C-alpha cells in the first residue's frame, strides 16, 4: 500500500487546520452558509436532509486493517455506529456535527486518510478494479498509476475549478471491473504483439441526466505518455467545457457537441504541443510509487487444497458461499474473498462499526492486512489462502457478513435516496430492502444466475441504474413517488445503457414488477448458461413489456 510522504503529511495537516478555522467562523456566524459551502465541499462535507454528511476518500479502494479500524472508531465517536460504502469506493457518514468535523478529520489524518476532493468541480477520487494486484486475468496492477494520478490531480492549479466534477477509472485487466466506459476518462491496459504495455484511453462516458458510453480517443498510448495525454484532455475540457449550465458542463456533453473526431483532433493537437515540451511520465516517480505496491510475500502453495475441498464437501452453507463469493487468484493456493454488505432486508453498502472491526481483524490475520472497497458497495479480502477460507467464512457468518449473493439478485446497489439526500426525488433504501426480501432464497438466486439490480433515488444516478441489468429510477410526480424500470444495462467490458421499459410503478408495485421480469426471463432462457443479459440482448424488450404491462 502507498505510504504518505512528507508532502502528503504536511498537506493533509494544513488542510485540517484550515478547515478548523473555517468551521469555527461558520459556527460563530462570521461566514454565511453560502460563503462556507465551497469551503466545506472542498473537504467532502455536504449538508443533507437531517445533518452534515462527510465523504471520506479511499483512493483506488484500498485500505489497511488499521485504517478500517479507524473508520469504525469514527462511526462510533462521530456518527451512529455505522458507515455507508459507496460505488466510488469511498465511505460516507450521514450524521456528522459541524463542530466535531475538524477533530474527525484530524483523527483520519493520523492513519493517512482524508476527505479532500471527494466533492466539488475537481478530479474526484481515482478508482480502479477492486481485485487489483490479485486477479488471475490482470496484465498489471493498476494501483500505482491510480496513485500517480491522485498525486498529479490533487490541488493541480489548472484543474481545481473545472466546469464540473470529473471522474477517472483505471483497470489493468481485459475484463473490466472498474466501469471505465462510463467515466469522464477511463483507462484500460493492453499489451501489443511486441509485449509492450499501453493504455486505451476512453473519454466522455457518464451517467446522470444524460447517460453515455465513452468512446476511445487512443487505442494504445505508451505508458510513458499518460500524464501528458491526460493533461491535453483536461486542457481541452477546461477551455471548451460549459460553465453557464451545470447540466451541460460534463465532458461527455462537450464530446457530443464537438463530435468525436473534432474532440480527438483538439486533444491530439494539444498533446503534440506538450510533447514538444517533453512532458512525460517520470519513470522514476512511477517506480517509486510502484515499490509501495510490491507483491506480498506469498507462500508457495499447491493449486489445490485438500482441507479446503473437504470443508466445501462437508459444509453445504460454506459451499454455497464459495460458489458466489470467491474469485480466482493469480497465485496458486490463494483466493479473492468478496464480502457482501447486502444481507436480507439490509441497507446496501452499510456496515456497522463492529463489522468494520471484524473485517480489519480478518485482513490482518488472513489477507496481508489489505482490504478493498468494490464498486458494488461490498468489501474484498484480496489475498486469502484456500486453507483459511473456511475459518474466514465462519467469522463472517458470526458477524452477519456471509450473505452468499455476490453478483446475484440480492446484491443490490442503491444510493441513500430520499432518506438522506437533498437532491433525491424518491426513496431508494426501502425499495432495495423489499426486493432483497423478495429474493432472499439463495437457491433461487443461484437458479436465476448473474443479475445486477441497481436503484437510484433521482436522475443524478448515484445508484448507477443506467448500467444495471434491471435498473430502477425513483422520481416524483405531483407529490407521489414512482419508479421507472430499465433493462439491458451493463458496466462491464460490454458496457451498455439500459432502456426504459414503459410507464413507471408506485413503490409498492416495484417488487412485483421485478418478480414478473425475472420470471419472464426464466421462461425464455435456453439452459442454465443463458444469462439474463444474454436473453434481453437476444430477444429485446418486447417479451418483458408484454408480461409487465399485460391487461389484468
Protein backbone atom coordinates (compact mmCIF):
# COMPACT_ATOMS: atom_id res chain seq x y z
CA UNK A 1 0.00 0.00 0.00
CA UNK A 2 1.07 3.56 -0.64
CA UNK A 3 2.52 5.43 2.34
CA UNK A 4 2.31 9.20 2.71
CA UNK A 5 5.49 11.13 2.01
CA UNK A 6 6.48 14.37 3.76
CA UNK A 7 4.39 16.47 1.37
CA UNK A 8 1.27 14.34 1.92
CA UNK A 9 1.55 14.62 5.71
CA UNK A 10 2.09 18.38 5.63
CA UNK A 11 -0.65 18.98 3.07
CA UNK A 12 -3.31 17.00 4.95
CA UNK A 13 -2.35 18.52 8.32
CA UNK A 14 -2.52 22.03 6.90
CA UNK A 15 -5.90 21.33 5.32
CA UNK A 16 -7.29 20.15 8.69
CA UNK A 17 -6.08 23.35 10.34
CA UNK A 18 -7.61 25.46 7.59
CA UNK A 19 -10.93 23.70 7.89
CA UNK A 20 -10.93 24.03 11.68
CA UNK A 21 -10.71 27.79 11.28
CA UNK A 22 -13.35 27.86 8.53
CA UNK A 23 -15.80 25.80 10.59
CA UNK A 24 -15.26 27.99 13.64
CA UNK A 25 -16.06 31.08 11.59
CA UNK A 26 -19.21 29.45 10.25
CA UNK A 27 -20.34 28.45 13.74
CA UNK A 28 -19.72 31.97 15.04
CA UNK A 29 -21.73 33.48 12.18
CA UNK A 30 -18.73 35.20 10.62
CA UNK A 31 -19.30 33.14 7.49
CA UNK A 32 -22.72 32.67 5.91
CA UNK A 33 -23.77 29.26 4.60
CA UNK A 34 -23.29 30.49 1.02
CA UNK A 35 -19.74 31.58 1.88
CA UNK A 36 -19.00 28.37 3.77
CA UNK A 37 -20.43 25.97 1.17
CA UNK A 38 -17.48 25.96 -1.30
CA UNK A 39 -15.06 25.59 1.62
CA UNK A 40 -16.81 22.57 3.14
CA UNK A 41 -17.31 20.92 -0.24
CA UNK A 42 -13.55 21.08 -0.84
CA UNK A 43 -13.30 18.89 2.27
CA UNK A 44 -16.04 16.41 1.37
CA UNK A 45 -18.69 17.83 3.70
CA UNK A 46 -22.27 18.00 2.42
CA UNK A 47 -25.37 19.42 4.10
CA UNK A 48 -28.02 16.73 3.75
CA UNK A 49 -31.66 16.48 4.84
CA UNK A 50 -31.02 15.79 8.52
CA UNK A 51 -27.37 16.53 9.19
CA UNK A 52 -23.99 17.00 7.56
CA UNK A 53 -22.61 14.08 5.56
CA UNK A 54 -18.86 13.51 5.27
CA UNK A 55 -17.44 11.56 2.34
CA UNK A 56 -14.03 10.08 3.12
CA UNK A 57 -11.68 9.18 0.28
CA UNK A 58 -10.42 5.62 -0.09
CA UNK A 59 -8.02 6.04 -3.04
CA UNK A 60 -8.43 3.23 -5.59
CA UNK A 61 -10.48 1.38 -2.97
CA UNK A 62 -7.51 0.13 -0.96
CA UNK A 63 -7.14 0.40 2.80
CA UNK A 64 -5.39 -1.37 5.65
CA UNK A 65 -6.76 -3.06 8.72
CA UNK A 66 -5.55 -0.11 10.78
CA UNK A 67 -7.41 2.33 8.56
CA UNK A 68 -10.59 0.26 8.61
CA UNK A 69 -10.41 0.16 12.40
CA UNK A 70 -10.15 3.95 12.44
CA UNK A 71 -13.23 4.18 10.21
CA UNK A 72 -15.04 2.05 12.80
CA UNK A 73 -13.90 4.37 15.60
CA UNK A 74 -15.14 7.37 13.61
CA UNK A 75 -18.52 5.68 13.16
CA UNK A 76 -18.84 5.21 16.92
CA UNK A 77 -17.47 8.57 18.01
CA UNK A 78 -18.88 10.93 15.39
CA UNK A 79 -21.79 9.10 13.75
CA UNK A 80 -24.35 6.48 14.83
CA UNK A 81 -22.21 3.37 14.77
CA UNK A 82 -22.11 2.65 11.05
CA UNK A 83 -20.80 3.91 7.71
CA UNK A 84 -22.01 3.65 4.12
CA UNK A 85 -19.62 2.34 1.43
CA UNK A 86 -20.29 3.87 -1.98
CA UNK A 87 -19.99 2.98 -5.66
CA UNK A 88 -16.96 5.29 -5.86
CA UNK A 89 -15.02 3.16 -3.36
CA UNK A 90 -15.46 5.80 -0.62
CA UNK A 91 -17.22 5.75 2.74
CA UNK A 92 -19.85 8.23 3.86
CA UNK A 93 -21.02 9.19 7.34
CA UNK A 94 -24.54 10.60 7.44
CA UNK A 95 -24.88 12.12 10.92
CA UNK A 96 -21.92 14.46 11.32
CA UNK A 97 -21.88 17.54 13.57
CA UNK A 98 -20.07 20.55 12.12
CA UNK A 99 -18.44 21.44 15.44
CA UNK A 100 -16.81 17.97 15.54
CA UNK A 101 -15.74 17.65 11.91
CA UNK A 102 -12.24 19.11 12.27
CA UNK A 103 -11.49 16.66 15.11
CA UNK A 104 -12.79 13.83 12.90
CA UNK A 105 -10.53 14.91 10.02
CA UNK A 106 -7.58 15.14 12.41
CA UNK A 107 -8.17 11.56 13.51
CA UNK A 108 -8.34 10.40 9.89
CA UNK A 109 -5.05 12.15 9.10
CA UNK A 110 -3.36 10.05 11.80
CA UNK A 111 -3.94 6.95 9.64
CA UNK A 112 -3.19 8.71 6.34
CA UNK A 113 -6.79 9.32 5.31
CA UNK A 114 -8.71 12.46 4.35
CA UNK A 115 -11.83 13.78 2.60
CA UNK A 116 -10.15 16.14 0.14
CA UNK A 117 -11.53 16.30 -3.42
CA UNK A 118 -14.38 13.91 -2.68
CA UNK A 119 -16.71 16.70 -3.85
CA UNK A 120 -16.54 19.90 -5.88
CA UNK A 121 -15.67 20.61 -9.50
CA UNK A 122 -12.32 18.86 -9.45
CA UNK A 123 -10.87 15.46 -10.25
CA UNK A 124 -12.51 13.16 -7.71
CA UNK A 125 -11.21 10.00 -6.06
CA UNK A 126 -9.49 7.90 -8.77
CA UNK A 127 -10.98 4.40 -8.75
CA UNK A 128 -9.86 1.06 -10.06
CA UNK A 129 -10.50 -2.69 -10.09
CA UNK A 130 -11.24 -3.92 -6.57
CA UNK A 131 -9.33 -7.11 -7.39
CA UNK A 132 -6.21 -5.17 -8.48
CA UNK A 133 -2.97 -6.99 -7.75
CA UNK A 134 -4.80 -10.26 -7.16
CA UNK A 135 -6.94 -11.03 -10.23
CA UNK A 136 -5.94 -14.01 -12.34
CA UNK A 137 -6.61 -12.15 -15.62
CA UNK A 138 -4.66 -9.00 -14.80
CA UNK A 139 -1.87 -7.68 -17.05
CA UNK A 140 -0.53 -5.35 -14.38
CA UNK A 141 -1.61 -3.86 -11.07
CA UNK A 142 -3.22 -0.50 -11.99
CA UNK A 143 -2.96 1.00 -8.49
CA UNK A 144 0.50 2.59 -8.93
CA UNK A 145 -0.89 4.51 -11.90
CA UNK A 146 -4.01 5.39 -9.92
CA UNK A 147 -1.78 6.76 -7.14
CA UNK A 148 0.25 8.70 -9.70
CA UNK A 149 -2.99 10.23 -10.97
CA UNK A 150 -4.04 11.05 -7.40
CA UNK A 151 -0.81 12.95 -6.83
CA UNK A 152 -0.99 14.65 -10.23
CA UNK A 153 -4.59 15.77 -9.79
CA UNK A 154 -4.52 16.85 -6.14
CA UNK A 155 -4.50 20.65 -6.00
CA UNK A 156 -3.48 20.82 -9.66
CA UNK A 157 -3.71 24.59 -10.22
CA UNK A 158 -5.18 24.21 -13.70
CA UNK A 159 -7.82 21.65 -12.79
CA UNK A 160 -9.05 22.66 -9.33
CA UNK A 161 -12.05 24.58 -10.66
CA UNK A 162 -13.28 22.62 -13.66
CA UNK A 163 -16.63 23.21 -15.40
CA UNK A 164 -17.98 20.23 -13.46
CA UNK A 165 -16.86 17.28 -11.32
CA UNK A 166 -14.52 14.85 -13.07
CA UNK A 167 -14.10 11.11 -12.54
CA UNK A 168 -11.32 8.77 -13.69
CA UNK A 169 -11.24 4.96 -13.51
CA UNK A 170 -8.34 2.62 -14.31
CA UNK A 171 -8.14 -1.11 -14.96
CA UNK A 172 -5.15 -3.33 -15.66
CA UNK A 173 -7.24 -6.31 -16.79
CA UNK A 174 -9.01 -7.19 -20.06
CA UNK A 175 -12.21 -7.90 -18.11
CA UNK A 176 -13.43 -4.50 -16.98
CA UNK A 177 -14.38 -4.45 -13.29
CA UNK A 178 -13.85 -0.68 -12.91
CA UNK A 179 -16.63 0.55 -15.23
CA UNK A 180 -14.12 2.53 -17.29
CA UNK A 181 -16.57 3.14 -20.15
CA UNK A 182 -18.94 5.20 -18.01
CA UNK A 183 -16.36 7.61 -16.60
CA UNK A 184 -15.19 11.01 -17.79
CA UNK A 185 -11.88 9.29 -18.51
CA UNK A 186 -11.45 5.52 -18.47
CA UNK A 187 -8.06 3.84 -18.81
CA UNK A 188 -7.76 0.21 -19.81
CA UNK A 189 -4.39 -1.52 -20.13
CA UNK A 190 -3.50 -3.56 -23.22
CA UNK A 191 -0.41 -5.43 -24.36
CA UNK A 192 0.64 -5.32 -28.02
CA UNK A 193 2.25 -8.04 -30.11
CA UNK A 194 5.70 -6.82 -29.09
CA UNK A 195 4.85 -7.34 -25.44
CA UNK A 196 4.69 -3.62 -24.72
CA UNK A 197 2.01 -2.31 -22.39
CA UNK A 198 -0.06 0.74 -23.11
CA UNK A 199 -3.38 2.42 -22.33
CA UNK A 200 -6.64 2.52 -24.19
CA UNK A 201 -7.95 5.99 -23.38
CA UNK A 202 -11.75 6.30 -23.23
CA UNK A 203 -13.39 9.72 -22.84
CA UNK A 204 -16.89 11.05 -22.40
CA UNK A 205 -18.68 8.32 -20.51
CA UNK A 206 -21.03 9.04 -17.66
CA UNK A 207 -24.47 8.51 -16.18
CA UNK A 208 -26.83 11.07 -14.62
CA UNK A 209 -29.26 13.06 -16.74
CA UNK A 210 -27.52 12.14 -19.98
CA UNK A 211 -26.12 8.60 -19.77
CA UNK A 212 -23.45 7.89 -22.37
CA UNK A 213 -20.85 5.24 -23.09
CA UNK A 214 -17.40 6.76 -23.57
CA UNK A 215 -15.52 6.46 -26.82
CA UNK A 216 -11.89 5.56 -27.43
CA UNK A 217 -9.69 8.53 -28.33
CA UNK A 218 -6.49 6.46 -28.28
CA UNK A 219 -6.40 2.69 -28.73
CA UNK A 220 -2.81 2.32 -27.49
CA UNK A 221 -1.00 5.07 -25.63
CA UNK A 222 2.53 4.24 -24.42
CA UNK A 223 2.75 4.18 -20.63
CA UNK A 224 5.34 6.98 -20.53
CA UNK A 225 2.99 9.42 -22.26
CA UNK A 226 0.00 9.02 -19.94
CA UNK A 227 0.18 12.20 -17.88
CA UNK A 228 0.90 14.46 -20.83
CA UNK A 229 -2.02 12.95 -22.76
CA UNK A 230 -4.37 13.38 -19.80
CA UNK A 231 -3.13 16.97 -19.44
CA UNK A 232 -4.16 17.51 -23.06
CA UNK A 233 -7.64 16.11 -22.46
CA UNK A 234 -8.14 18.21 -19.34
CA UNK A 235 -6.98 21.39 -21.07
CA UNK A 236 -9.39 20.90 -23.95
CA UNK A 237 -12.18 20.32 -21.44
CA UNK A 238 -11.19 23.30 -19.29
CA UNK A 239 -11.09 25.55 -22.37
CA UNK A 240 -14.33 24.46 -24.06
CA UNK A 241 -16.44 22.95 -21.25
CA UNK A 242 -19.56 24.94 -20.48
CA UNK A 243 -19.81 26.90 -17.26
CA UNK A 244 -23.14 28.58 -17.97
CA UNK A 245 -25.25 25.45 -17.45
CA UNK A 246 -24.22 22.77 -14.95
CA UNK A 247 -26.46 20.21 -16.66
CA UNK A 248 -24.39 20.56 -19.82
CA UNK A 249 -20.99 21.00 -18.21
CA UNK A 250 -19.66 17.43 -18.11
CA UNK A 251 -17.04 16.40 -20.65
CA UNK A 252 -19.46 13.89 -22.18
CA UNK A 253 -21.59 16.83 -23.39
CA UNK A 254 -18.52 18.55 -24.84
CA UNK A 255 -17.55 15.39 -26.72
CA UNK A 256 -21.11 15.05 -28.02
CA UNK A 257 -21.34 18.70 -29.13
CA UNK A 258 -17.89 18.85 -30.74
CA UNK A 259 -18.20 15.39 -32.26
CA UNK A 260 -15.81 12.55 -31.59
CA UNK A 261 -13.38 13.34 -34.40
CA UNK A 262 -13.21 17.06 -33.66
CA UNK A 263 -12.65 16.35 -29.98
CA UNK A 264 -9.90 13.86 -30.79
CA UNK A 265 -8.25 16.37 -33.11
CA UNK A 266 -8.28 19.03 -30.39
CA UNK A 267 -6.73 16.62 -27.90
CA UNK A 268 -4.06 15.41 -30.31
CA UNK A 269 -3.11 18.98 -31.21
CA UNK A 270 -2.74 19.90 -27.55
CA UNK A 271 -0.85 16.67 -26.91
CA UNK A 272 1.57 17.48 -29.74
CA UNK A 273 2.28 20.87 -28.17
CA UNK A 274 3.01 19.21 -24.85
CA UNK A 275 5.29 16.61 -26.43
CA UNK A 276 7.41 19.47 -27.73
CA UNK A 277 7.96 20.38 -24.09
CA UNK A 278 8.95 16.77 -23.38
CA UNK A 279 6.37 16.41 -20.61
CA UNK A 280 6.29 12.68 -19.93
CA UNK A 281 5.54 10.44 -17.00
CA UNK A 282 8.58 10.42 -14.78
CA UNK A 283 9.55 6.77 -14.81
CA UNK A 284 11.47 7.23 -11.57
CA UNK A 285 8.37 8.58 -9.83
CA UNK A 286 6.21 5.74 -11.07
CA UNK A 287 8.89 3.29 -9.97
CA UNK A 288 8.98 4.91 -6.53
CA UNK A 289 5.21 4.57 -6.18
CA UNK A 290 5.22 1.02 -7.56
CA UNK A 291 7.56 -0.06 -4.77
CA UNK A 292 4.74 0.56 -2.30
CA UNK A 293 2.61 -1.94 -4.23
CA UNK A 294 5.19 -4.71 -4.34
CA UNK A 295 3.79 -8.20 -4.39
CA UNK A 296 3.13 -9.57 -0.90
CA UNK A 297 5.31 -12.40 0.34
CA UNK A 298 3.06 -15.15 -0.95
CA UNK A 299 3.81 -18.67 0.16
CA UNK A 300 4.48 -21.39 -2.38
CA UNK A 301 1.32 -23.45 -2.16
CA UNK A 302 -0.26 -26.26 -4.17
CA UNK A 303 -3.00 -25.27 -6.59
CA UNK A 304 -5.50 -27.48 -4.75
CA UNK A 305 -6.11 -27.72 -1.01
CA UNK A 306 -7.43 -30.97 0.43
CA UNK A 307 -8.57 -29.19 3.61
CA UNK A 308 -10.50 -26.59 1.65
CA UNK A 309 -12.10 -29.22 -0.59
CA UNK A 310 -13.08 -31.30 2.43
CA UNK A 311 -14.69 -28.29 4.13
CA UNK A 312 -16.60 -27.45 0.99
CA UNK A 313 -17.81 -31.02 0.62
CA UNK A 314 -18.84 -31.29 4.26
CA UNK A 315 -20.50 -27.90 4.78
CA UNK A 316 -23.26 -27.00 2.28
CA UNK A 317 -23.62 -23.42 3.55
CA UNK A 318 -19.89 -22.84 3.13
CA UNK A 319 -20.01 -24.39 -0.33
CA UNK A 320 -22.83 -22.07 -1.36
CA UNK A 321 -20.86 -19.05 -0.15
CA UNK A 322 -17.75 -20.21 -2.03
CA UNK A 323 -19.80 -20.62 -5.21
CA UNK A 324 -20.76 -16.94 -5.34
CA UNK A 325 -18.28 -15.02 -3.19
CA UNK A 326 -14.87 -16.48 -4.09
CA UNK A 327 -12.89 -15.43 -7.17
CA UNK A 328 -9.77 -16.90 -8.74
CA UNK A 329 -6.44 -15.53 -7.52
CA UNK A 330 -3.36 -15.29 -9.71
CA UNK A 331 -1.32 -17.27 -7.16
CA UNK A 332 -1.83 -20.97 -6.56
CA UNK A 333 -3.32 -21.76 -3.18
CA UNK A 334 -4.92 -18.32 -2.73
CA UNK A 335 -8.38 -16.86 -3.38
CA UNK A 336 -10.11 -13.49 -3.51
CA UNK A 337 -12.85 -13.19 -0.87
CA UNK A 338 -15.80 -10.92 -1.68
CA UNK A 339 -17.72 -9.84 1.43
CA UNK A 340 -21.34 -8.95 0.78
CA UNK A 341 -22.72 -5.87 2.55
CA UNK A 342 -26.19 -6.88 1.33
CA UNK A 343 -27.87 -9.06 3.98
CA UNK A 344 -31.53 -9.93 3.51
CA UNK A 345 -33.53 -6.74 4.11
CA UNK A 346 -30.38 -4.72 4.82
CA UNK A 347 -29.31 -1.30 3.58
CA UNK A 348 -26.90 -1.84 0.66
CA UNK A 349 -23.37 -0.72 1.47
CA UNK A 350 -23.91 -0.13 5.19
CA UNK A 351 -21.52 -1.68 7.71
CA UNK A 352 -21.61 -1.33 11.47
CA UNK A 353 -18.51 -0.35 13.41
CA UNK A 354 -18.26 -3.89 14.79
CA UNK A 355 -18.45 -5.34 11.29
CA UNK A 356 -15.68 -2.98 10.17
CA UNK A 357 -13.52 -4.15 13.05
CA UNK A 358 -14.27 -7.77 12.14
CA UNK A 359 -13.08 -7.18 8.58
CA UNK A 360 -9.99 -5.35 9.89
CA UNK A 361 -9.16 -8.33 12.10
CA UNK A 362 -9.64 -10.77 9.23
CA UNK A 363 -7.44 -8.68 6.94
CA UNK A 364 -4.64 -8.66 9.49
CA UNK A 365 -4.93 -12.38 10.21
CA UNK A 366 -5.59 -13.75 6.75
CA UNK A 367 -5.12 -11.15 3.95
CA UNK A 368 -1.73 -9.45 4.43
CA UNK A 369 -3.56 -6.53 6.10
CA UNK A 370 -5.30 -5.46 2.87
CA UNK A 371 -8.97 -4.62 2.30
CA UNK A 372 -10.69 -3.32 -0.81
CA UNK A 373 -13.96 -1.47 -1.35
CA UNK A 374 -15.81 -2.53 -4.50
CA UNK A 375 -17.89 -0.51 -6.98
CA UNK A 376 -20.81 -2.68 -5.92
CA UNK A 377 -20.78 -1.41 -2.31
CA UNK A 378 -19.12 -4.54 -0.95
CA UNK A 379 -15.74 -5.31 0.64
CA UNK A 380 -12.93 -7.59 -0.51
CA UNK A 381 -10.12 -9.51 1.17
CA UNK A 382 -7.80 -9.87 -1.83
CA UNK A 383 -5.21 -12.42 -0.66
CA UNK A 384 -6.59 -15.31 1.40
CA UNK A 385 -5.16 -18.84 1.44
CA UNK A 386 -7.53 -21.58 0.38
CA UNK A 387 -6.75 -23.36 3.66
CA UNK A 388 -8.06 -20.34 5.59
CA UNK A 389 -11.32 -19.83 3.72
CA UNK A 390 -13.48 -21.95 6.00
CA UNK A 391 -12.28 -20.10 9.10
CA UNK A 392 -12.80 -16.72 7.41
CA UNK A 393 -16.33 -17.73 6.43
CA UNK A 394 -17.19 -18.81 9.98
CA UNK A 395 -16.09 -15.44 11.36
CA UNK A 396 -18.04 -13.59 8.66
CA UNK A 397 -21.14 -15.69 9.33
CA UNK A 398 -20.97 -14.97 13.05
CA UNK A 399 -20.98 -11.24 12.27
CA UNK A 400 -23.71 -11.02 9.65
CA UNK A 401 -21.28 -10.74 6.74
CA UNK A 402 -21.64 -14.10 4.98
CA UNK A 403 -24.50 -13.44 2.56
CA UNK A 404 -23.75 -15.71 -0.41
CA UNK A 405 -25.21 -13.38 -3.02
CA UNK A 406 -22.33 -11.61 -4.81
CA UNK A 407 -23.48 -10.79 -8.35
CA UNK A 408 -26.93 -12.22 -7.71
CA UNK A 409 -30.41 -10.73 -7.24
CA UNK A 410 -29.75 -9.93 -3.59
CA UNK A 411 -26.56 -7.99 -4.34
CA UNK A 412 -28.46 -4.74 -4.96
CA UNK A 413 -26.77 -1.37 -5.44
CA UNK A 414 -28.70 1.58 -4.02
CA UNK A 415 -27.98 5.23 -3.29
CA UNK A 416 -29.17 6.75 0.04
CA UNK A 417 -32.12 8.35 -1.78
CA UNK A 418 -34.74 10.49 -0.08
CA UNK A 419 -33.94 9.07 3.35
CA UNK A 420 -30.84 11.31 3.42
CA UNK A 421 -30.12 13.17 0.19
CA UNK A 422 -31.32 16.71 -0.56
CA UNK A 423 -31.24 16.01 -4.30
CA UNK A 424 -33.32 12.84 -4.23
CA UNK A 425 -36.86 12.72 -5.54
CA UNK A 426 -37.75 9.28 -4.18
CA UNK A 427 -36.62 6.71 -1.66
CA UNK A 428 -34.15 4.01 -2.68
CA UNK A 429 -33.40 2.14 0.52
CA UNK A 430 -36.92 0.78 1.26
CA UNK A 431 -37.25 -0.42 -2.35
CA UNK A 432 -33.92 -2.23 -2.12
CA UNK A 433 -34.87 -3.80 1.19
CA UNK A 434 -38.20 -5.08 -0.10
CA UNK A 435 -36.68 -6.58 -3.26
CA UNK A 436 -33.92 -8.13 -1.14
CA UNK A 437 -36.51 -9.88 0.99
CA UNK A 438 -38.47 -10.98 -2.08
CA UNK A 439 -35.37 -12.73 -3.49
CA UNK A 440 -33.93 -13.88 -0.16
CA UNK A 441 -33.88 -17.58 -1.09
CA UNK A 442 -30.25 -18.21 -2.05
CA UNK A 443 -31.11 -21.34 -4.01
CA UNK A 444 -33.42 -19.25 -6.15
CA UNK A 445 -30.78 -16.55 -6.58
CA UNK A 446 -28.34 -19.15 -7.88
CA UNK A 447 -31.02 -20.56 -10.17
CA UNK A 448 -31.55 -17.08 -11.64
CA UNK A 449 -27.81 -16.59 -12.08
CA UNK A 450 -25.91 -13.32 -12.58
CA UNK A 451 -28.26 -10.36 -12.13
CA UNK A 452 -27.48 -6.73 -11.39
CA UNK A 453 -30.31 -4.70 -9.83
CA UNK A 454 -29.43 -1.04 -9.21
CA UNK A 455 -31.61 1.68 -7.70
CA UNK A 456 -31.24 5.47 -7.86
CA UNK A 457 -33.38 7.97 -6.00
CA UNK A 458 -33.07 10.69 -8.65
CA UNK A 459 -31.76 11.33 -12.15
CA UNK A 460 -28.25 12.01 -10.86
CA UNK A 461 -27.94 8.20 -10.90
CA UNK A 462 -25.68 7.67 -7.88
CA UNK A 463 -27.08 4.11 -7.81
CA UNK A 464 -25.84 3.55 -11.39
CA UNK A 465 -29.26 2.30 -12.50
CA UNK A 466 -28.46 3.03 -16.16
CA UNK A 467 -25.85 0.24 -16.28
CA UNK A 468 -27.83 -2.37 -14.34
CA UNK A 469 -29.35 -5.44 -15.92
CA UNK A 470 -32.50 -4.19 -14.20
CA UNK A 471 -32.36 -0.50 -13.31
CA UNK A 472 -34.83 1.31 -11.09
CA UNK A 473 -35.09 5.11 -11.05
CA UNK A 474 -37.16 6.86 -8.40
CA UNK A 475 -38.94 10.05 -9.47
CA UNK A 476 -41.63 12.37 -8.13
CA UNK A 477 -44.82 13.28 -9.96
CA UNK A 478 -47.39 15.56 -8.36
CA UNK A 479 -46.09 14.75 -4.90
CA UNK A 480 -46.08 10.98 -5.41
CA UNK A 481 -43.01 8.75 -5.73
CA UNK A 482 -42.95 6.43 -8.71
CA UNK A 483 -40.27 4.26 -10.31
CA UNK A 484 -39.13 3.75 -13.90
CA UNK A 485 -37.60 0.41 -14.85
CA UNK A 486 -34.83 -0.05 -17.40
CA UNK A 487 -33.44 -3.25 -18.90
CA UNK A 488 -30.22 -4.25 -20.58
CA UNK A 489 -27.56 -2.09 -18.95
CA UNK A 490 -24.02 -3.19 -18.16
CA UNK A 491 -20.91 -1.55 -16.70
CA UNK A 492 -18.60 -4.38 -17.74
CA UNK A 493 -16.44 -4.73 -20.85
CA UNK A 494 -19.63 -4.98 -22.94
CA UNK A 495 -20.94 -1.73 -21.40
CA UNK A 496 -24.41 -0.57 -22.39
CA UNK A 497 -27.09 1.83 -21.21
CA UNK A 498 -30.41 0.31 -20.20
CA UNK A 499 -33.64 1.26 -21.97
CA UNK A 500 -36.84 2.35 -20.19
CA UNK A 501 -39.49 -0.35 -20.45
CA UNK A 502 -42.58 1.84 -20.14
CA UNK A 503 -44.66 3.74 -17.58
CA UNK A 504 -43.40 3.80 -14.00
CA UNK A 505 -44.78 1.98 -10.96
CA UNK A 506 -45.67 3.06 -7.47
CA UNK A 507 -43.22 1.90 -4.82
CA UNK A 508 -45.42 -0.91 -3.55
CA UNK A 509 -45.71 -2.35 -7.08
CA UNK A 510 -41.98 -2.40 -7.85
CA UNK A 511 -41.15 -5.79 -6.22
CA UNK A 512 -43.97 -7.45 -8.16
CA UNK A 513 -42.70 -5.84 -11.37
CA UNK A 514 -39.17 -7.15 -10.76
CA UNK A 515 -40.59 -10.59 -9.99
CA UNK A 516 -42.50 -10.57 -13.28
CA UNK A 517 -39.38 -9.57 -15.22
CA UNK A 518 -37.30 -12.32 -13.59
CA UNK A 519 -39.97 -14.98 -14.15
CA UNK A 520 -40.26 -13.92 -17.80
CA UNK A 521 -36.53 -14.39 -18.18
CA UNK A 522 -36.63 -17.85 -16.58
CA UNK A 523 -39.37 -18.88 -19.02
CA UNK A 524 -37.41 -17.57 -22.01
CA UNK A 525 -33.87 -18.70 -21.32
CA UNK A 526 -32.32 -21.64 -23.10
CA UNK A 527 -30.35 -23.55 -20.49
CA UNK A 528 -28.62 -22.53 -17.29
CA UNK A 529 -25.81 -20.65 -19.05
CA UNK A 530 -28.24 -18.32 -20.82
CA UNK A 531 -27.89 -15.26 -18.57
CA UNK A 532 -30.48 -12.54 -18.01
CA UNK A 533 -28.45 -10.04 -20.04
CA UNK A 534 -27.99 -12.58 -22.85
CA UNK A 535 -31.76 -13.08 -23.11
CA UNK A 536 -32.54 -9.35 -23.06
CA UNK A 537 -30.00 -8.68 -25.80
CA UNK A 538 -31.12 -11.61 -27.91
CA UNK A 539 -34.90 -11.15 -27.68
CA UNK A 540 -35.18 -7.45 -26.98
CA UNK A 541 -37.57 -5.76 -24.58
CA UNK A 542 -40.88 -6.74 -26.11
CA UNK A 543 -41.43 -10.03 -24.22
CA UNK A 544 -40.80 -8.23 -20.94
CA UNK A 545 -43.09 -5.34 -21.85
CA UNK A 546 -45.88 -7.74 -22.73
CA UNK A 547 -45.51 -9.56 -19.43
CA UNK A 548 -45.23 -6.38 -17.39
CA UNK A 549 -47.99 -4.33 -18.94
CA UNK A 550 -50.45 -7.04 -19.96
CA UNK A 551 -54.08 -6.18 -19.11
CA UNK A 552 -55.18 -7.65 -15.82
